[in-house]
Amino acid sequence: MNNSNTLSQRWLCSLILPLLLAAGCSSLEPTELPPEYTAPPAHTLIWDAIDATATEDWHVLLNDGPTALDWRLRAIDSASDSIDFQTFLWFFDTTGALVLDHIVQAADRGVTVRILVDDTFLVHEGELLLALAEHPSIEYRVFNPFSRRSGGVATRQLLNLAEFRRLDHRMHNKSMVVDNQVAIIGGRNIADEYFGLDDNANFRDLELLLGGQVVQEVSVAFDTYWNDPWSFPIEMLSHKKASAEQLAEARRIRDVSQHLHTEESTEELIARWLEAVEGADRGEAILFADEPPKGNPKNREEAPIQVANELVSLFNGAESEILIVSAYLIPTPDLEGAVKRALDRGVRVRILTNSIGSNNHLSAHSAYRNHINTLLESGAELHEVRTDARDRDEYMLTPIGRKQLALHAKALVIDNDKVFVGSANLDPRSLRINTEMGFLIVSEQFNQKLREALEGDFLGANAWRLELQEDGRVYWVANDRRLESQPATSFMQRIEDWFFSHLPIEGEL
């Protein structure tokens, strides 16, 4: 054996062994905190004006990122009493800084702000989060946190190996409730790529802006997670010193050239809200929300199933058409069976998901790849997003140049009267492991609106249509070309895809 290789292996073992030993000693006990609940709906000039116009639940589709960001900031600016903010991921880039700055401004006005974030991507943000929680009107909690928090993502995973089963369960929910009067839910995390601001690649995503009594149901769902024993105040997790300077830096908007949002007076805010409500849909809105695990998240029997069961029921009840938009598509046996039964009933099934080039999680695409032939043989119509989609300018700021498009939306269109928009992908992680939420809207008008919003995404200029050949091969067909192999970005990507497709990891994706 080569001496340099032996030394390298010894060095690697000397590094990893202490980490593994430390991981074996780490543990985290659930919290015991007094329960806190969202305040009743606030009454201000803004909300009273809306209440006088809309006497029933209403909802608006937030189809593109810049518009969705504008409404998120407008809602925060309209707050007088409370903001409940729940998300899976929050990066402090231009989008994150804008949201942060507006939230702190609201807190400065005396608005009570509660922020609940999953711990998956909270790395190197300890001082910033502590500084944010130092504000007298802001509370910051972390759901199901890593007990050992030093180092980067990989190091932290190693340090917490002993708690893998607990940490495998993540809170994937995304919601924001303002004054218990309006809410935003859907698929978007808080980062540039979800709002069309990234310089290289952006997501096509969807959200709903909602008002009416149904908002109080979202508040109850938030309170359930906020008061969960596995939601920890950030100050219980970090021993670093809060840095006001770091918070000030995170609030600084770096790209001031982008006119993303205009500050509005109360009169202007009322006018914009009334305009939105006037054009809103009034169909029935039904919340689907997984509850957090009853006990320790490491127990597999505690895995969430409500959203998964509701989606399978929607498939089972479909009579004419199912239109699926899912960023990550790895059908579970239950879901695959529901699709097969629908097709056997004569229901048309059209699916849009990511291609190998647009998928930001290659291992997820590799697992999906193993289902392509089964779906096509069953009669499903399968489409994959093109990174160079002709109409990608609808979802990102100009100039477009060589910017690429990917899919992050999670939506269903069932028959001619039902729509689901939420956080859940159609994969084992969303349907069996993570917690999710979303809304079923029962409305022919809104069904048609979402159909129109999605129809362009299926065009050959924007997506590949997969064709199954008699010999079992699959072709990728667009309006300008026909490929006999996947539209990969490189040869190495094909090799990695093949490798991941043979690993027994589908149940964790």
Protein backbone atom coordinates (compact mmCIF):
# COMPACT_ATOMS: atom_id res chain seq x y z
CA MET A 1 0.00 0.00 0.00
CA ASN A 2 1.25 3.50 -0.86
CA ASN A 3 2.57 5.35 2.24
CA SER A 4 0.80 8.59 1.30
CA ASN A 5 -2.52 6.74 1.02
CA THR A 6 -1.92 5.13 4.43
CA LEU A 7 -1.21 8.51 6.00
CA SER A 8 -4.30 9.99 4.37
CA GLN A 9 -6.50 7.21 5.70
CA ARG A 10 -5.01 7.56 9.19
CA TRP A 11 -5.58 11.32 9.11
CA LEU A 12 -9.18 10.81 7.94
CA CYS A 13 -9.85 8.28 10.71
CA SER A 14 -8.31 10.59 13.32
CA LEU A 15 -10.69 13.31 12.16
CA ILE A 16 -13.89 11.30 11.86
CA LEU A 17 -13.53 9.04 14.92
CA PRO A 18 -13.81 11.87 17.48
CA LEU A 19 -16.82 13.21 15.59
CA LEU A 20 -18.55 9.84 15.71
CA LEU A 21 -17.77 9.47 19.42
CA ALA A 22 -19.12 12.94 20.08
CA ALA A 23 -22.23 12.16 18.06
CA GLY A 24 -22.86 9.08 20.17
CA CYS A 25 -22.99 11.25 23.30
CA SER A 26 -25.24 13.98 21.89
CA SER A 27 -28.92 14.19 22.66
CA LEU A 28 -31.66 16.76 22.98
CA GLU A 29 -34.63 16.66 25.30
CA PRO A 30 -37.97 18.26 24.34
CA THR A 31 -38.80 21.69 25.73
CA GLU A 32 -41.44 22.52 28.32
CA LEU A 33 -42.62 26.08 27.68
CA PRO A 34 -45.86 27.91 28.47
CA PRO A 35 -48.17 27.79 25.42
CA GLU A 36 -48.56 30.90 23.27
CA TYR A 37 -51.34 31.59 20.79
CA THR A 38 -52.03 33.96 17.93
CA ALA A 39 -54.04 37.01 18.91
CA PRO A 40 -57.62 37.36 17.56
CA PRO A 41 -58.04 39.08 14.18
CA ALA A 42 -56.91 42.70 14.36
CA HIS A 43 -59.17 45.61 13.39
CA THR A 44 -57.56 48.51 11.59
CA LEU A 45 -58.54 50.81 8.73
CA ILE A 46 -57.03 48.29 6.29
CA TRP A 47 -58.70 45.14 7.62
CA ASP A 48 -62.03 46.82 8.31
CA ALA A 49 -62.10 48.05 4.72
CA ILE A 50 -61.53 44.50 3.49
CA ASP A 51 -64.11 43.04 5.88
CA ALA A 52 -66.70 45.48 4.57
CA THR A 53 -66.05 44.25 1.03
CA ALA A 54 -65.47 40.51 1.52
CA THR A 55 -67.91 38.71 3.79
CA GLU A 56 -66.56 35.26 2.88
CA ASP A 57 -63.19 33.56 2.36
CA TRP A 58 -61.17 34.76 -0.63
CA HIS A 59 -57.92 33.72 -2.28
CA VAL A 60 -55.56 35.05 -4.93
CA LEU A 61 -53.01 33.07 -6.97
CA LEU A 62 -49.43 34.35 -6.61
CA ASN A 63 -48.07 32.96 -9.86
CA ASP A 64 -44.73 34.74 -10.31
CA GLY A 65 -41.95 35.48 -7.87
CA PRO A 66 -41.67 39.29 -8.01
CA THR A 67 -45.43 39.66 -7.48
CA ALA A 68 -45.35 37.15 -4.63
CA LEU A 69 -42.51 39.04 -2.93
CA ASP A 70 -44.32 42.35 -3.35
CA TRP A 71 -47.45 40.97 -1.67
CA ARG A 72 -45.44 39.37 1.14
CA LEU A 73 -43.82 42.71 1.93
CA ARG A 74 -47.14 44.54 1.59
CA ALA A 75 -48.75 42.16 4.07
CA ILE A 76 -45.91 42.71 6.55
CA ASP A 77 -46.23 46.48 6.11
CA SER A 78 -49.97 46.20 6.83
CA ALA A 79 -49.45 44.44 10.18
CA SER A 80 -50.57 46.16 13.35
CA ASP A 81 -50.71 43.34 15.94
CA SER A 82 -49.03 40.09 14.90
CA ILE A 83 -46.97 38.26 12.30
CA ASP A 84 -46.58 34.47 12.45
CA PHE A 85 -43.90 33.32 10.01
CA GLN A 86 -43.13 29.63 9.33
CA THR A 87 -40.67 28.41 6.72
CA PHE A 88 -38.32 25.59 5.78
CA LEU A 89 -35.49 27.76 4.47
CA TRP A 90 -34.52 31.42 4.85
CA PHE A 91 -31.36 32.76 3.21
CA PHE A 92 -30.30 36.34 3.91
CA ASP A 93 -29.70 37.37 0.30
CA THR A 94 -31.62 40.24 -1.39
CA THR A 95 -34.99 38.57 -0.80
CA GLY A 96 -34.10 37.46 2.70
CA ALA A 97 -32.79 40.91 3.59
CA LEU A 98 -35.95 42.58 2.31
CA VAL A 99 -38.21 40.28 4.31
CA LEU A 100 -35.98 40.64 7.38
CA ASP A 101 -35.90 44.43 7.15
CA HIS A 102 -39.68 44.72 6.82
CA ILE A 103 -40.23 42.29 9.70
CA VAL A 104 -37.91 44.30 11.96
CA GLN A 105 -39.67 47.51 10.94
CA ALA A 106 -42.99 45.88 11.90
CA ALA A 107 -41.53 44.82 15.24
CA ASP A 108 -40.31 48.40 15.77
CA ARG A 109 -43.96 49.48 15.36
CA GLY A 110 -44.88 47.12 18.21
CA VAL A 111 -46.07 44.18 16.10
CA THR A 112 -45.55 40.84 17.87
CA VAL A 113 -43.48 38.66 15.53
CA ARG A 114 -43.04 34.90 15.91
CA ILE A 115 -40.63 33.20 13.53
CA LEU A 116 -40.42 29.41 13.27
CA VAL A 117 -37.81 27.92 10.92
CA ASP A 118 -36.74 24.35 10.25
CA ASP A 119 -33.13 23.65 11.22
CA THR A 120 -31.95 21.98 8.00
CA PHE A 121 -30.17 25.02 6.55
CA LEU A 122 -29.52 27.13 9.66
CA VAL A 123 -25.74 26.97 9.51
CA HIS A 124 -23.41 29.85 10.51
CA GLU A 125 -26.40 32.07 11.41
CA GLY A 126 -26.27 31.72 15.21
CA GLU A 127 -25.27 35.29 16.02
CA LEU A 128 -27.71 36.78 13.53
CA LEU A 129 -30.64 34.77 14.84
CA LEU A 130 -29.75 35.60 18.42
CA ALA A 131 -29.61 39.29 17.55
CA LEU A 132 -33.01 39.02 15.86
CA ALA A 133 -34.49 37.32 18.92
CA GLU A 134 -33.04 40.09 21.10
CA HIS A 135 -35.69 42.44 19.73
CA PRO A 136 -38.39 42.82 22.41
CA SER A 137 -41.18 42.16 19.89
CA ILE A 138 -39.58 39.18 18.10
CA GLU A 139 -39.43 35.54 19.14
CA TYR A 140 -37.42 33.06 17.07
CA ARG A 141 -37.78 29.29 17.39
CA VAL A 142 -36.14 26.40 15.56
CA PHE A 143 -38.06 23.21 14.82
CA ASN A 144 -36.47 19.82 15.64
CA PRO A 145 -32.96 21.25 15.93
CA PHE A 146 -29.56 19.65 15.71
CA SER A 147 -28.19 19.37 19.24
CA ARG A 148 -24.55 19.80 18.19
CA ARG A 149 -24.35 22.88 15.99
CA SER A 150 -20.69 23.59 15.16
CA GLY A 151 -19.11 23.45 11.72
CA GLY A 152 -20.69 23.38 8.30
CA VAL A 153 -23.48 21.21 6.95
CA ALA A 154 -21.39 18.05 6.55
CA THR A 155 -19.66 18.40 9.93
CA ARG A 156 -22.96 19.01 11.67
CA GLN A 157 -24.43 15.89 10.10
CA LEU A 158 -21.49 13.84 11.36
CA LEU A 159 -21.70 15.32 14.86
CA ASN A 160 -25.38 14.35 15.08
CA LEU A 161 -25.26 10.89 13.51
CA ALA A 162 -26.60 9.28 16.66
CA GLU A 163 -29.83 11.25 16.24
CA PHE A 164 -30.33 10.60 12.54
CA ARG A 165 -33.81 9.09 12.96
CA ARG A 166 -35.07 12.14 14.85
CA LEU A 167 -33.40 14.67 12.58
CA ASP A 168 -34.64 12.90 9.46
CA HIS A 169 -38.11 14.37 10.12
CA ARG A 170 -38.24 17.96 8.88
CA MET A 171 -40.84 20.74 8.94
CA HIS A 172 -41.38 21.57 5.27
CA ASN A 173 -44.42 23.84 5.91
CA LYS A 174 -44.45 27.40 4.58
CA SER A 175 -46.93 29.98 5.83
CA MET A 176 -47.17 33.59 6.93
CA VAL A 177 -50.15 34.95 8.86
CA VAL A 178 -50.56 38.70 9.39
CA ASP A 179 -52.90 40.06 12.07
CA ASN A 180 -54.88 36.81 11.81
CA GLN A 181 -56.50 38.50 8.79
CA VAL A 182 -54.49 37.37 5.76
CA ALA A 183 -52.13 34.49 5.05
CA ILE A 184 -49.68 33.35 2.37
CA ILE A 185 -49.07 29.62 1.90
CA GLY A 186 -47.47 27.56 -0.85
CA GLY A 187 -44.12 26.28 -2.03
CA ARG A 188 -41.78 29.26 -1.80
CA ASN A 189 -38.94 29.41 0.67
CA ILE A 190 -37.30 32.76 1.43
CA ALA A 191 -34.37 33.11 -0.96
CA ASP A 192 -33.67 34.87 -4.26
CA GLU A 193 -34.17 31.85 -6.50
CA TYR A 194 -37.79 31.42 -5.34
CA PHE A 195 -38.69 34.97 -6.36
CA GLY A 196 -36.91 35.33 -9.72
CA LEU A 197 -33.99 37.37 -8.38
CA ASP A 198 -31.10 34.93 -8.74
CA ASP A 199 -28.42 35.77 -11.31
CA ASN A 200 -28.11 32.21 -12.63
CA ALA A 201 -31.15 30.00 -12.01
CA ASN A 202 -34.66 30.52 -10.66
CA PHE A 203 -37.67 28.42 -9.71
CA ARG A 204 -41.14 28.38 -11.15
CA ASP A 205 -43.27 28.29 -7.99
CA LEU A 206 -46.79 28.95 -6.71
CA GLU A 207 -48.46 30.41 -3.62
CA LEU A 208 -51.88 31.50 -2.41
CA LEU A 209 -52.80 34.79 -0.74
CA LEU A 210 -55.82 34.12 1.46
CA GLY A 211 -58.28 36.11 3.56
CA GLY A 212 -61.38 35.43 5.63
CA GLN A 213 -62.13 33.12 8.52
CA VAL A 214 -60.04 30.32 7.00
CA VAL A 215 -56.94 32.32 7.97
CA GLN A 216 -57.67 31.50 11.60
CA GLU A 217 -57.24 27.81 10.74
CA VAL A 218 -53.73 28.60 9.48
CA SER A 219 -53.06 30.38 12.77
CA VAL A 220 -54.15 27.31 14.72
CA ALA A 221 -51.81 25.16 12.62
CA PHE A 222 -48.95 27.59 13.30
CA ASP A 223 -49.69 27.57 17.04
CA THR A 224 -49.56 23.77 17.02
CA TYR A 225 -45.98 23.85 15.74
CA TRP A 226 -44.95 26.86 17.81
CA ASN A 227 -46.04 25.13 21.02
CA ASP A 228 -44.60 21.76 20.05
CA PRO A 229 -41.98 20.41 22.51
CA TRP A 230 -39.51 20.15 19.62
CA SER A 231 -39.69 23.87 18.78
CA PHE A 232 -36.77 25.49 20.62
CA PRO A 233 -36.12 29.19 21.27
CA ILE A 234 -32.91 30.06 19.47
CA GLU A 235 -31.33 31.30 22.70
CA MET A 236 -31.58 27.77 24.11
CA LEU A 237 -29.51 26.40 21.24
CA SER A 238 -26.66 28.85 20.84
CA HIS A 239 -24.11 30.14 23.32
CA LYS A 240 -22.79 32.81 20.97
CA LYS A 241 -23.10 36.48 21.78
CA ALA A 242 -25.80 38.38 19.93
CA SER A 243 -24.41 40.81 17.36
CA ALA A 244 -26.46 43.91 16.56
CA GLU A 245 -23.96 44.76 13.83
CA GLN A 246 -24.56 41.42 12.09
CA LEU A 247 -28.32 41.99 12.19
CA ALA A 248 -27.90 45.46 10.71
CA GLU A 249 -25.72 44.03 7.95
CA ALA A 250 -28.27 41.30 7.17
CA ARG A 251 -30.99 43.95 6.80
CA ARG A 252 -28.96 45.87 4.21
CA ILE A 253 -30.43 45.46 0.72
CA ARG A 254 -27.49 44.76 -1.54
CA ASP A 255 -29.15 45.09 -4.94
CA VAL A 256 -30.90 48.45 -4.66
CA SER A 257 -31.15 48.69 -8.46
CA GLN A 258 -34.05 46.25 -8.49
CA HIS A 259 -37.35 48.05 -7.95
CA LEU A 260 -38.96 45.18 -6.10
CA HIS A 261 -41.27 46.98 -3.75
CA THR A 262 -42.58 50.49 -3.15
CA GLU A 263 -43.44 51.71 0.32
CA GLU A 264 -47.11 52.67 0.45
CA SER A 265 -49.24 54.90 2.65
CA THR A 266 -52.22 53.51 4.54
CA GLU A 267 -54.53 54.84 1.83
CA GLU A 268 -52.45 53.19 -0.88
CA LEU A 269 -52.35 49.93 1.06
CA ILE A 270 -56.14 49.93 1.40
CA ALA A 271 -56.53 50.57 -2.34
CA ARG A 272 -54.19 47.70 -3.26
CA TRP A 273 -55.88 45.28 -0.86
CA LEU A 274 -59.35 46.17 -2.10
CA GLU A 275 -58.20 45.75 -5.70
CA ALA A 276 -56.86 42.28 -4.90
CA VAL A 277 -59.98 41.24 -2.99
CA GLU A 278 -62.26 42.47 -5.76
CA GLY A 279 -60.57 40.12 -8.25
CA ALA A 280 -60.17 37.25 -5.79
CA ASP A 281 -61.90 33.89 -6.00
CA ARG A 282 -64.53 33.03 -3.39
CA GLY A 283 -64.54 29.22 -3.62
CA GLU A 284 -64.41 26.95 -0.59
CA ALA A 285 -60.91 26.74 0.91
CA ILE A 286 -60.00 23.63 2.93
CA LEU A 287 -56.73 23.46 4.84
CA PHE A 288 -54.68 20.27 4.68
CA ALA A 289 -52.01 20.35 7.40
CA ASP A 290 -49.90 17.63 8.95
CA GLU A 291 -49.54 17.83 12.70
CA PRO A 292 -46.04 17.57 14.15
CA PRO A 293 -45.14 14.17 15.58
CA LYS A 294 -46.96 13.50 18.86
CA GLY A 295 -43.83 12.22 20.57
CA ASN A 296 -40.18 11.99 19.59
CA PRO A 297 -39.84 12.53 15.81
CA LYS A 298 -37.43 9.56 15.67
CA ASN A 299 -40.38 7.17 16.00
CA ARG A 300 -41.43 6.13 12.51
CA GLU A 301 -45.02 5.58 13.62
CA GLU A 302 -45.15 9.31 14.30
CA ALA A 303 -44.63 10.15 10.63
CA PRO A 304 -47.21 12.61 9.22
CA ILE A 305 -49.86 11.14 6.92
CA GLN A 306 -52.80 13.56 6.75
CA VAL A 307 -51.72 15.49 3.66
CA ALA A 308 -50.62 12.28 1.92
CA ASN A 309 -53.97 10.62 2.63
CA GLU A 310 -55.92 13.65 1.43
CA LEU A 311 -53.99 13.79 -1.85
CA VAL A 312 -54.50 10.08 -2.51
CA SER A 313 -58.23 10.61 -1.83
CA LEU A 314 -58.28 13.40 -4.41
CA PHE A 315 -56.75 11.05 -6.97
CA ASN A 316 -59.23 8.31 -6.09
CA GLY A 317 -62.16 10.70 -6.54
CA ALA A 318 -61.06 12.17 -9.88
CA GLU A 319 -63.53 11.65 -12.70
CA SER A 320 -62.06 13.24 -15.82
CA GLU A 321 -58.56 14.70 -15.39
CA ILE A 322 -55.66 15.01 -12.98
CA LEU A 323 -53.02 17.62 -13.70
CA ILE A 324 -49.93 17.18 -11.51
CA VAL A 325 -47.19 19.75 -11.00
CA SER A 326 -44.51 18.43 -8.66
CA ALA A 327 -40.90 19.55 -8.47
CA TYR A 328 -39.82 16.16 -7.15
CA LEU A 329 -41.82 13.19 -8.36
CA ILE A 330 -41.09 9.81 -6.76
CA PRO A 331 -44.45 8.07 -6.43
CA THR A 332 -44.99 6.03 -3.28
CA PRO A 333 -46.83 2.71 -3.76
CA ASP A 334 -50.07 4.32 -2.52
CA LEU A 335 -49.74 7.24 -4.90
CA GLU A 336 -48.65 5.12 -7.85
CA GLY A 337 -51.63 2.85 -7.23
CA ALA A 338 -54.00 5.84 -7.13
CA VAL A 339 -52.63 7.11 -10.45
CA LYS A 340 -52.99 3.65 -12.02
CA ARG A 341 -56.59 3.34 -10.82
CA ALA A 342 -57.44 6.76 -12.19
CA LEU A 343 -55.96 5.90 -15.58
CA ASP A 344 -57.85 2.61 -15.60
CA ARG A 345 -61.08 4.60 -15.01
CA GLY A 346 -60.33 6.64 -18.11
CA VAL A 347 -59.08 9.71 -16.23
CA ARG A 348 -56.51 11.72 -18.15
CA VAL A 349 -53.30 12.25 -16.12
CA ARG A 350 -50.84 14.95 -17.15
CA ILE A 351 -47.65 15.44 -15.15
CA LEU A 352 -45.04 18.22 -15.09
CA THR A 353 -41.82 17.68 -13.14
CA ASN A 354 -38.15 18.56 -13.41
CA SER A 355 -35.81 17.21 -16.07
CA ILE A 356 -32.36 15.94 -15.19
CA GLY A 357 -30.96 19.35 -16.10
CA SER A 358 -33.41 21.44 -14.11
CA ASN A 359 -33.61 19.27 -10.98
CA ASN A 360 -31.57 20.78 -8.14
CA HIS A 361 -31.50 17.41 -6.33
CA LEU A 362 -29.96 14.91 -8.74
CA SER A 363 -30.57 11.96 -6.42
CA ALA A 364 -34.30 12.77 -6.45
CA HIS A 365 -34.29 12.77 -10.23
CA SER A 366 -32.43 9.46 -10.27
CA ALA A 367 -35.15 7.86 -8.14
CA TYR A 368 -37.87 9.38 -10.33
CA ARG A 369 -36.11 7.97 -13.39
CA ASN A 370 -36.93 4.44 -12.15
CA HIS A 371 -40.68 5.27 -12.42
CA ILE A 372 -40.72 6.82 -15.89
CA ASN A 373 -41.51 3.67 -17.86
CA THR A 374 -44.18 2.55 -15.37
CA LEU A 375 -45.97 5.90 -15.60
CA LEU A 376 -45.80 6.00 -19.40
CA GLU A 377 -46.89 2.39 -19.78
CA SER A 378 -49.89 3.12 -17.55
CA GLY A 379 -50.94 5.90 -19.88
CA ALA A 380 -49.80 9.00 -18.00
CA GLU A 381 -48.59 11.98 -20.04
CA LEU A 382 -45.20 13.01 -18.72
CA HIS A 383 -43.50 16.40 -19.21
CA GLU A 384 -40.20 17.74 -17.86
CA VAL A 385 -39.16 21.37 -17.49
CA ARG A 386 -36.58 22.73 -19.92
CA THR A 387 -33.80 24.77 -18.30
CA ASP A 388 -33.89 27.03 -21.39
CA ALA A 389 -37.69 27.38 -21.38
CA ARG A 390 -38.72 30.03 -23.86
CA ASP A 391 -41.09 31.74 -21.42
CA ARG A 392 -38.86 31.63 -18.35
CA ASP A 393 -38.92 35.43 -18.27
CA GLU A 394 -42.40 35.11 -16.71
CA TYR A 395 -40.78 33.78 -13.52
CA MET A 396 -37.58 35.82 -13.21
CA LEU A 397 -36.40 39.38 -13.56
CA THR A 398 -34.78 40.57 -16.77
CA PRO A 399 -32.28 40.49 -18.31
CA ILE A 400 -32.74 36.76 -18.84
CA GLY A 401 -29.58 35.99 -20.82
CA ARG A 402 -28.40 32.49 -19.94
CA LYS A 403 -30.41 32.18 -16.73
CA GLN A 404 -31.91 28.74 -16.25
CA LEU A 405 -35.34 27.67 -15.06
CA ALA A 406 -36.26 24.90 -12.62
CA LEU A 407 -39.54 23.77 -11.11
CA HIS A 408 -40.36 24.11 -7.41
CA ALA A 409 -44.18 24.38 -7.54
CA LYS A 410 -46.46 21.80 -5.94
CA ALA A 411 -50.00 21.85 -7.32
CA LEU A 412 -52.85 19.61 -8.44
CA VAL A 413 -55.76 20.39 -10.72
CA ILE A 414 -58.55 17.82 -10.34
CA ASP A 415 -61.43 17.64 -12.85
CA ASN A 416 -62.93 21.09 -13.47
CA ASP A 417 -63.60 22.23 -9.91
CA LYS A 418 -60.75 21.40 -7.52
CA VAL A 419 -57.23 22.76 -7.00
CA PHE A 420 -54.52 21.99 -4.45
CA VAL A 421 -51.57 24.34 -3.83
CA GLY A 422 -49.13 23.72 -1.00
CA SER A 423 -45.68 22.62 0.16
CA ALA A 424 -45.91 18.88 -0.54
CA ASN A 425 -44.02 17.21 -3.36
CA LEU A 426 -45.18 13.82 -4.59
CA ASP A 427 -42.27 11.91 -3.11
CA PRO A 428 -41.65 9.73 -0.03
CA ARG A 429 -40.07 12.56 1.94
CA SER A 430 -43.12 14.81 1.62
CA LEU A 431 -45.70 12.03 1.87
CA ARG A 432 -44.12 9.91 4.64
CA ILE A 433 -41.39 11.79 6.51
CA ASN A 434 -41.65 15.60 6.46
CA THR A 435 -44.61 17.65 7.64
CA GLU A 436 -46.49 19.56 4.93
CA MET A 437 -49.45 21.87 4.41
CA GLY A 438 -51.58 23.31 1.63
CA PHE A 439 -55.07 24.32 0.58
CA LEU A 440 -57.70 22.54 -1.44
CA ILE A 441 -59.81 25.12 -3.29
CA VAL A 442 -63.18 23.95 -4.58
CA SER A 443 -64.05 26.38 -7.36
CA GLU A 444 -64.61 26.02 -11.10
CA GLN A 445 -63.41 29.60 -11.59
CA PHE A 446 -60.16 29.09 -9.70
CA ASN A 447 -59.64 25.70 -11.36
CA GLN A 448 -59.77 27.42 -14.73
CA LYS A 449 -57.47 30.20 -13.54
CA LEU A 450 -54.78 27.76 -12.44
CA ARG A 451 -55.17 25.74 -15.64
CA GLU A 452 -54.51 28.89 -17.66
CA ALA A 453 -51.52 29.76 -15.49
CA LEU A 454 -49.99 26.29 -15.96
CA GLU A 455 -50.85 25.58 -19.58
CA GLY A 456 -47.81 27.40 -20.94
CA ASP A 457 -45.51 25.33 -18.75
CA PHE A 458 -46.51 22.21 -20.70
CA LEU A 459 -45.75 23.69 -24.14
CA GLY A 460 -42.93 22.15 -26.17
CA ALA A 461 -41.02 25.42 -25.97
CA ASN A 462 -40.96 25.16 -22.19
CA ALA A 463 -41.02 21.43 -21.41
CA TRP A 464 -39.95 18.08 -22.82
CA ARG A 465 -42.70 15.59 -23.62
CA LEU A 466 -41.63 12.00 -22.95
CA GLU A 467 -42.54 9.40 -25.59
CA LEU A 468 -42.34 5.65 -24.92
CA GLN A 469 -41.14 3.67 -27.94
CA GLU A 470 -42.23 0.14 -28.81
CA ASP A 471 -38.82 -1.18 -27.82
CA GLY A 472 -39.14 0.38 -24.34
CA ARG A 473 -36.83 3.31 -24.94
CA VAL A 474 -37.93 6.84 -24.02
CA TYR A 475 -37.49 9.89 -26.23
CA TRP A 476 -37.57 13.51 -25.03
CA VAL A 477 -39.53 15.62 -27.52
CA ALA A 478 -39.80 19.41 -27.71
CA ASN A 479 -40.97 21.83 -30.36
CA ASP A 480 -37.48 22.19 -31.82
CA ARG A 481 -35.73 18.86 -31.22
CA ARG A 482 -36.06 15.20 -30.34
CA LEU A 483 -33.59 13.52 -27.98
CA GLU A 484 -32.93 9.80 -27.56
CA SER A 485 -31.40 10.34 -24.11
CA GLN A 486 -32.06 12.61 -21.16
CA PRO A 487 -31.37 16.36 -21.64
CA ALA A 488 -28.45 16.33 -19.22
CA THR A 489 -26.15 19.30 -18.81
CA SER A 490 -23.00 17.15 -18.97
CA PHE A 491 -21.73 13.61 -19.40
CA MET A 492 -20.76 13.52 -15.73
CA GLN A 493 -24.34 14.35 -14.77
CA ARG A 494 -25.48 11.24 -16.65
CA ILE A 495 -22.92 9.11 -14.79
CA GLU A 496 -23.99 10.49 -11.41
CA ASP A 497 -27.66 9.99 -12.31
CA TRP A 498 -27.02 6.34 -13.24
CA PHE A 499 -25.09 5.79 -9.99
CA PHE A 500 -27.79 7.31 -7.74
CA SER A 501 -30.54 5.40 -9.54
CA HIS A 502 -29.01 2.12 -8.31
CA LEU A 503 -28.74 3.11 -4.65
CA PRO A 504 -31.45 1.90 -2.21
CA ILE A 505 -32.25 5.43 -0.99
CA GLU A 506 -35.61 6.16 -2.62
CA GLY A 507 -37.51 6.00 0.67
CA GLU A 508 -35.46 8.92 2.05
CA LEU A 509 -35.94 11.22 -0.97
